[in-house]
Amino acid sequence: MKFFQSLELDQILNLAEAILWISISCVFLFRLRHTKKNRDLSITCIIAFALFGVSDFIEVYTRAWYKPISLFILKACCVLAFVTVFIIYSRRRQ
């Protein structure tokens, strides 16, 4: 409990954000067994949202999304995955 008392507002918001991204990943995971189309995109979303959530947990300690450089690269890869999934999904719907 002492851990939460020593957190600043930005760290609390990063924790909330991490929980949000991991929750979204869990929604994709639970819906996966009912997914026939775009299963590959769903699996990509599960991984990308989970990793993005993990990156926010790391950010609680580093207090910067760009430090260390490996955190920046992880976040950039996740964003790239989100954009790629969106583009592929949009093209498949047409």
N, C-alpha and C. Protein backbone atom coordinates (compact mmCIF):
# COMPACT_ATOMS: atom_id res chain seq x y z
N MET A 1 0.82 -1.19 0.00
CA MET A 1 0.00 0.00 0.00
C MET A 1 0.86 1.25 0.00
N LYS A 2 2.02 1.18 0.61
CA LYS A 2 2.91 2.33 0.66
C LYS A 2 3.38 2.71 -0.75
N PHE A 3 3.49 1.71 -1.63
CA PHE A 3 3.90 1.95 -3.01
C PHE A 3 2.96 2.95 -3.69
N PHE A 4 1.65 2.76 -3.53
CA PHE A 4 0.68 3.62 -4.18
C PHE A 4 0.65 5.02 -3.58
N GLN A 5 1.00 5.16 -2.33
CA GLN A 5 1.01 6.48 -1.69
C GLN A 5 2.15 7.35 -2.18
N SER A 6 3.20 6.73 -2.69
CA SER A 6 4.36 7.49 -3.14
C SER A 6 4.33 7.82 -4.63
N LEU A 7 3.26 7.45 -5.31
CA LEU A 7 3.18 7.71 -6.75
C LEU A 7 2.70 9.12 -7.04
N GLU A 8 3.26 9.69 -8.10
CA GLU A 8 2.82 10.98 -8.60
C GLU A 8 1.66 10.76 -9.56
N LEU A 9 0.97 11.83 -9.93
CA LEU A 9 -0.20 11.72 -10.79
C LEU A 9 0.13 11.07 -12.12
N ASP A 10 1.25 11.45 -12.74
CA ASP A 10 1.61 10.87 -14.04
C ASP A 10 1.83 9.36 -13.93
N GLN A 11 2.38 8.91 -12.82
CA GLN A 11 2.59 7.48 -12.63
C GLN A 11 1.27 6.74 -12.43
N ILE A 12 0.35 7.35 -11.71
CA ILE A 12 -0.97 6.74 -11.51
C ILE A 12 -1.71 6.63 -12.84
N LEU A 13 -1.60 7.68 -13.65
CA LEU A 13 -2.24 7.65 -14.97
C LEU A 13 -1.61 6.60 -15.88
N ASN A 14 -0.29 6.42 -15.77
CA ASN A 14 0.36 5.36 -16.55
C ASN A 14 -0.10 3.98 -16.10
N LEU A 15 -0.29 3.79 -14.82
CA LEU A 15 -0.83 2.52 -14.32
C LEU A 15 -2.23 2.27 -14.88
N ALA A 16 -3.07 3.32 -14.86
CA ALA A 16 -4.42 3.19 -15.39
C ALA A 16 -4.39 2.88 -16.88
N GLU A 17 -3.49 3.54 -17.57
CA GLU A 17 -3.34 3.30 -19.01
C GLU A 17 -2.88 1.87 -19.28
N ALA A 18 -1.95 1.39 -18.49
CA ALA A 18 -1.46 0.01 -18.66
C ALA A 18 -2.61 -0.98 -18.46
N ILE A 19 -3.42 -0.74 -17.47
CA ILE A 19 -4.57 -1.62 -17.22
C ILE A 19 -5.55 -1.56 -18.38
N LEU A 20 -5.75 -0.37 -18.95
CA LEU A 20 -6.64 -0.22 -20.10
C LEU A 20 -6.13 -1.04 -21.29
N TRP A 21 -4.84 -0.89 -21.65
CA TRP A 21 -4.31 -1.60 -22.82
C TRP A 21 -4.34 -3.11 -22.61
N ILE A 22 -4.03 -3.56 -21.42
CA ILE A 22 -4.04 -5.00 -21.16
C ILE A 22 -5.48 -5.52 -21.16
N SER A 23 -6.41 -4.71 -20.71
CA SER A 23 -7.83 -5.10 -20.76
C SER A 23 -8.31 -5.24 -22.20
N ILE A 24 -7.90 -4.32 -23.05
CA ILE A 24 -8.26 -4.42 -24.47
C ILE A 24 -7.66 -5.69 -25.06
N SER A 25 -6.42 -5.99 -24.69
CA SER A 25 -5.79 -7.22 -25.16
C SER A 25 -6.59 -8.45 -24.71
N CYS A 26 -7.09 -8.42 -23.48
CA CYS A 26 -7.89 -9.54 -22.95
C CYS A 26 -9.21 -9.68 -23.70
N VAL A 27 -9.81 -8.57 -24.08
CA VAL A 27 -11.06 -8.63 -24.86
C VAL A 27 -10.80 -9.33 -26.19
N PHE A 28 -9.73 -8.95 -26.88
CA PHE A 28 -9.38 -9.64 -28.13
C PHE A 28 -9.11 -11.12 -27.87
N LEU A 29 -8.45 -11.43 -26.78
CA LEU A 29 -8.14 -12.82 -26.45
C LEU A 29 -9.39 -13.64 -26.21
N PHE A 30 -10.33 -13.11 -25.43
CA PHE A 30 -11.54 -13.85 -25.12
C PHE A 30 -12.45 -13.99 -26.34
N ARG A 31 -12.39 -13.04 -27.25
CA ARG A 31 -13.21 -13.11 -28.47
C ARG A 31 -12.55 -13.96 -29.56
N LEU A 32 -11.30 -14.33 -29.36
CA LEU A 32 -10.54 -15.03 -30.39
C LEU A 32 -11.17 -16.36 -30.78
N ARG A 33 -11.72 -17.08 -29.83
CA ARG A 33 -12.29 -18.39 -30.17
C ARG A 33 -13.53 -18.27 -31.05
N HIS A 34 -14.16 -17.11 -31.07
CA HIS A 34 -15.34 -16.89 -31.91
C HIS A 34 -14.98 -16.16 -33.21
N THR A 35 -13.72 -15.85 -33.37
CA THR A 35 -13.27 -15.10 -34.54
C THR A 35 -12.89 -16.05 -35.66
N LYS A 36 -13.60 -15.91 -36.77
CA LYS A 36 -13.28 -16.73 -37.95
C LYS A 36 -12.45 -15.90 -38.94
N LYS A 37 -12.96 -14.70 -39.25
CA LYS A 37 -12.25 -13.81 -40.17
C LYS A 37 -11.26 -12.97 -39.38
N ASN A 38 -10.20 -12.61 -40.05
CA ASN A 38 -9.19 -11.72 -39.48
C ASN A 38 -8.58 -12.22 -38.17
N ARG A 39 -8.48 -13.52 -38.04
CA ARG A 39 -7.90 -14.11 -36.84
C ARG A 39 -6.45 -13.66 -36.66
N ASP A 40 -5.73 -13.56 -37.78
CA ASP A 40 -4.34 -13.11 -37.71
C ASP A 40 -4.23 -11.69 -37.16
N LEU A 41 -5.17 -10.83 -37.54
CA LEU A 41 -5.16 -9.46 -37.03
C LEU A 41 -5.50 -9.42 -35.55
N SER A 42 -6.41 -10.29 -35.14
CA SER A 42 -6.78 -10.36 -33.72
C SER A 42 -5.59 -10.79 -32.87
N ILE A 43 -4.85 -11.77 -33.34
CA ILE A 43 -3.68 -12.23 -32.60
C ILE A 43 -2.63 -11.13 -32.52
N THR A 44 -2.46 -10.40 -33.62
CA THR A 44 -1.52 -9.27 -33.62
C THR A 44 -1.96 -8.22 -32.61
N CYS A 45 -3.26 -7.94 -32.54
CA CYS A 45 -3.78 -6.96 -31.57
C CYS A 45 -3.57 -7.44 -30.13
N ILE A 46 -3.77 -8.72 -29.88
CA ILE A 46 -3.56 -9.26 -28.54
C ILE A 46 -2.13 -8.98 -28.09
N ILE A 47 -1.18 -9.31 -28.95
CA ILE A 47 0.23 -9.13 -28.61
C ILE A 47 0.59 -7.65 -28.48
N ALA A 48 0.15 -6.85 -29.46
CA ALA A 48 0.53 -5.42 -29.47
C ALA A 48 -0.07 -4.67 -28.28
N PHE A 49 -1.35 -4.91 -27.98
CA PHE A 49 -1.96 -4.21 -26.84
C PHE A 49 -1.34 -4.66 -25.52
N ALA A 50 -1.04 -5.95 -25.40
CA ALA A 50 -0.41 -6.43 -24.16
C ALA A 50 0.98 -5.81 -23.98
N LEU A 51 1.76 -5.77 -25.05
CA LEU A 51 3.09 -5.17 -24.96
C LEU A 51 3.02 -3.66 -24.70
N PHE A 52 2.02 -3.01 -25.27
CA PHE A 52 1.86 -1.59 -25.02
C PHE A 52 1.51 -1.35 -23.55
N GLY A 53 0.71 -2.24 -22.99
CA GLY A 53 0.41 -2.15 -21.56
C GLY A 53 1.65 -2.36 -20.70
N VAL A 54 2.44 -3.34 -21.07
CA VAL A 54 3.68 -3.59 -20.34
C VAL A 54 4.61 -2.37 -20.43
N SER A 55 4.63 -1.74 -21.60
CA SER A 55 5.49 -0.56 -21.75
C SER A 55 5.04 0.57 -20.82
N ASP A 56 3.74 0.67 -20.56
CA ASP A 56 3.27 1.69 -19.61
C ASP A 56 3.65 1.34 -18.18
N PHE A 57 3.67 0.06 -17.84
CA PHE A 57 4.17 -0.32 -16.51
C PHE A 57 5.64 0.08 -16.36
N ILE A 58 6.42 -0.12 -17.41
CA ILE A 58 7.83 0.28 -17.38
C ILE A 58 7.94 1.79 -17.24
N GLU A 59 7.05 2.49 -17.94
CA GLU A 59 7.07 3.96 -17.91
C GLU A 59 6.78 4.52 -16.52
N VAL A 60 6.06 3.77 -15.70
CA VAL A 60 5.80 4.20 -14.32
C VAL A 60 7.13 4.41 -13.60
N TYR A 61 8.10 3.54 -13.86
CA TYR A 61 9.39 3.63 -13.19
C TYR A 61 10.35 4.59 -13.88
N THR A 62 10.32 4.63 -15.21
CA THR A 62 11.26 5.50 -15.93
C THR A 62 10.77 6.94 -15.98
N ARG A 63 9.44 7.13 -15.88
CA ARG A 63 8.79 8.45 -15.91
C ARG A 63 8.99 9.17 -17.24
N ALA A 64 9.34 8.42 -18.29
CA ALA A 64 9.47 8.99 -19.62
C ALA A 64 9.23 7.88 -20.65
N TRP A 65 8.47 8.19 -21.69
CA TRP A 65 8.16 7.17 -22.70
C TRP A 65 9.33 6.95 -23.65
N TYR A 66 10.33 7.80 -23.61
CA TYR A 66 11.46 7.71 -24.53
C TYR A 66 12.76 7.26 -23.86
N LYS A 67 12.71 6.99 -22.55
CA LYS A 67 13.89 6.50 -21.83
C LYS A 67 13.55 5.19 -21.16
N PRO A 68 14.33 4.19 -21.25
CA PRO A 68 15.49 4.01 -22.12
C PRO A 68 15.06 3.87 -23.58
N ILE A 69 16.00 3.85 -24.47
CA ILE A 69 15.69 3.80 -25.89
C ILE A 69 14.92 2.53 -26.25
N SER A 70 15.16 1.45 -25.51
CA SER A 70 14.44 0.20 -25.78
C SER A 70 12.94 0.36 -25.51
N LEU A 71 12.58 1.18 -24.55
CA LEU A 71 11.16 1.45 -24.27
C LEU A 71 10.54 2.22 -25.43
N PHE A 72 11.26 3.21 -25.94
CA PHE A 72 10.80 3.97 -27.09
C PHE A 72 10.60 3.05 -28.29
N ILE A 73 11.55 2.15 -28.52
CA ILE A 73 11.45 1.22 -29.66
C ILE A 73 10.25 0.29 -29.48
N LEU A 74 10.03 -0.20 -28.27
CA LEU A 74 8.87 -1.06 -28.00
C LEU A 74 7.58 -0.32 -28.30
N LYS A 75 7.45 0.89 -27.80
CA LYS A 75 6.24 1.68 -28.05
C LYS A 75 6.06 1.97 -29.53
N ALA A 76 7.15 2.30 -30.22
CA ALA A 76 7.07 2.58 -31.66
C ALA A 76 6.63 1.34 -32.44
N CYS A 77 7.14 0.18 -32.06
CA CYS A 77 6.74 -1.07 -32.73
C CYS A 77 5.26 -1.36 -32.50
N CYS A 78 4.78 -1.10 -31.30
CA CYS A 78 3.36 -1.32 -31.01
C CYS A 78 2.49 -0.39 -31.83
N VAL A 79 2.86 0.88 -31.90
CA VAL A 79 2.09 1.84 -32.70
C VAL A 79 2.12 1.45 -34.17
N LEU A 80 3.27 1.02 -34.65
CA LEU A 80 3.38 0.55 -36.03
C LEU A 80 2.46 -0.65 -36.27
N ALA A 81 2.39 -1.55 -35.31
CA ALA A 81 1.50 -2.72 -35.42
C ALA A 81 0.03 -2.27 -35.46
N PHE A 82 -0.34 -1.31 -34.62
CA PHE A 82 -1.72 -0.80 -34.62
C PHE A 82 -2.09 -0.20 -35.98
N VAL A 83 -1.20 0.61 -36.51
CA VAL A 83 -1.46 1.26 -37.80
C VAL A 83 -1.53 0.22 -38.91
N THR A 84 -0.64 -0.74 -38.90
CA THR A 84 -0.62 -1.80 -39.91
C THR A 84 -1.90 -2.63 -39.85
N VAL A 85 -2.32 -3.01 -38.66
CA VAL A 85 -3.55 -3.78 -38.50
C VAL A 85 -4.74 -2.98 -39.02
N PHE A 86 -4.79 -1.70 -38.70
CA PHE A 86 -5.89 -0.86 -39.16
C PHE A 86 -5.93 -0.79 -40.69
N ILE A 87 -4.78 -0.60 -41.32
CA ILE A 87 -4.72 -0.52 -42.79
C ILE A 87 -5.14 -1.84 -43.41
N ILE A 88 -4.62 -2.95 -42.92
CA ILE A 88 -4.97 -4.26 -43.47
C ILE A 88 -6.45 -4.54 -43.28
N TYR A 89 -6.96 -4.26 -42.10
CA TYR A 89 -8.39 -4.48 -41.82
C TYR A 89 -9.26 -3.63 -42.73
N SER A 90 -8.88 -2.38 -42.93
CA SER A 90 -9.65 -1.49 -43.81
C SER A 90 -9.65 -2.00 -45.24
N ARG A 91 -8.54 -2.48 -45.70
CA ARG A 91 -8.46 -3.01 -47.08
C ARG A 91 -9.28 -4.28 -47.22
N ARG A 92 -9.27 -5.12 -46.23
CA ARG A 92 -10.05 -6.37 -46.30
C ARG A 92 -11.56 -6.11 -46.31
N ARG A 93 -11.96 -5.04 -45.65
CA ARG A 93 -13.40 -4.72 -45.61
C ARG A 93 -13.91 -4.19 -46.94
N GLN A 94 -13.02 -3.68 -47.78
CA GLN A 94 -13.46 -3.11 -49.06
C GLN A 94 -13.75 -4.15 -50.07
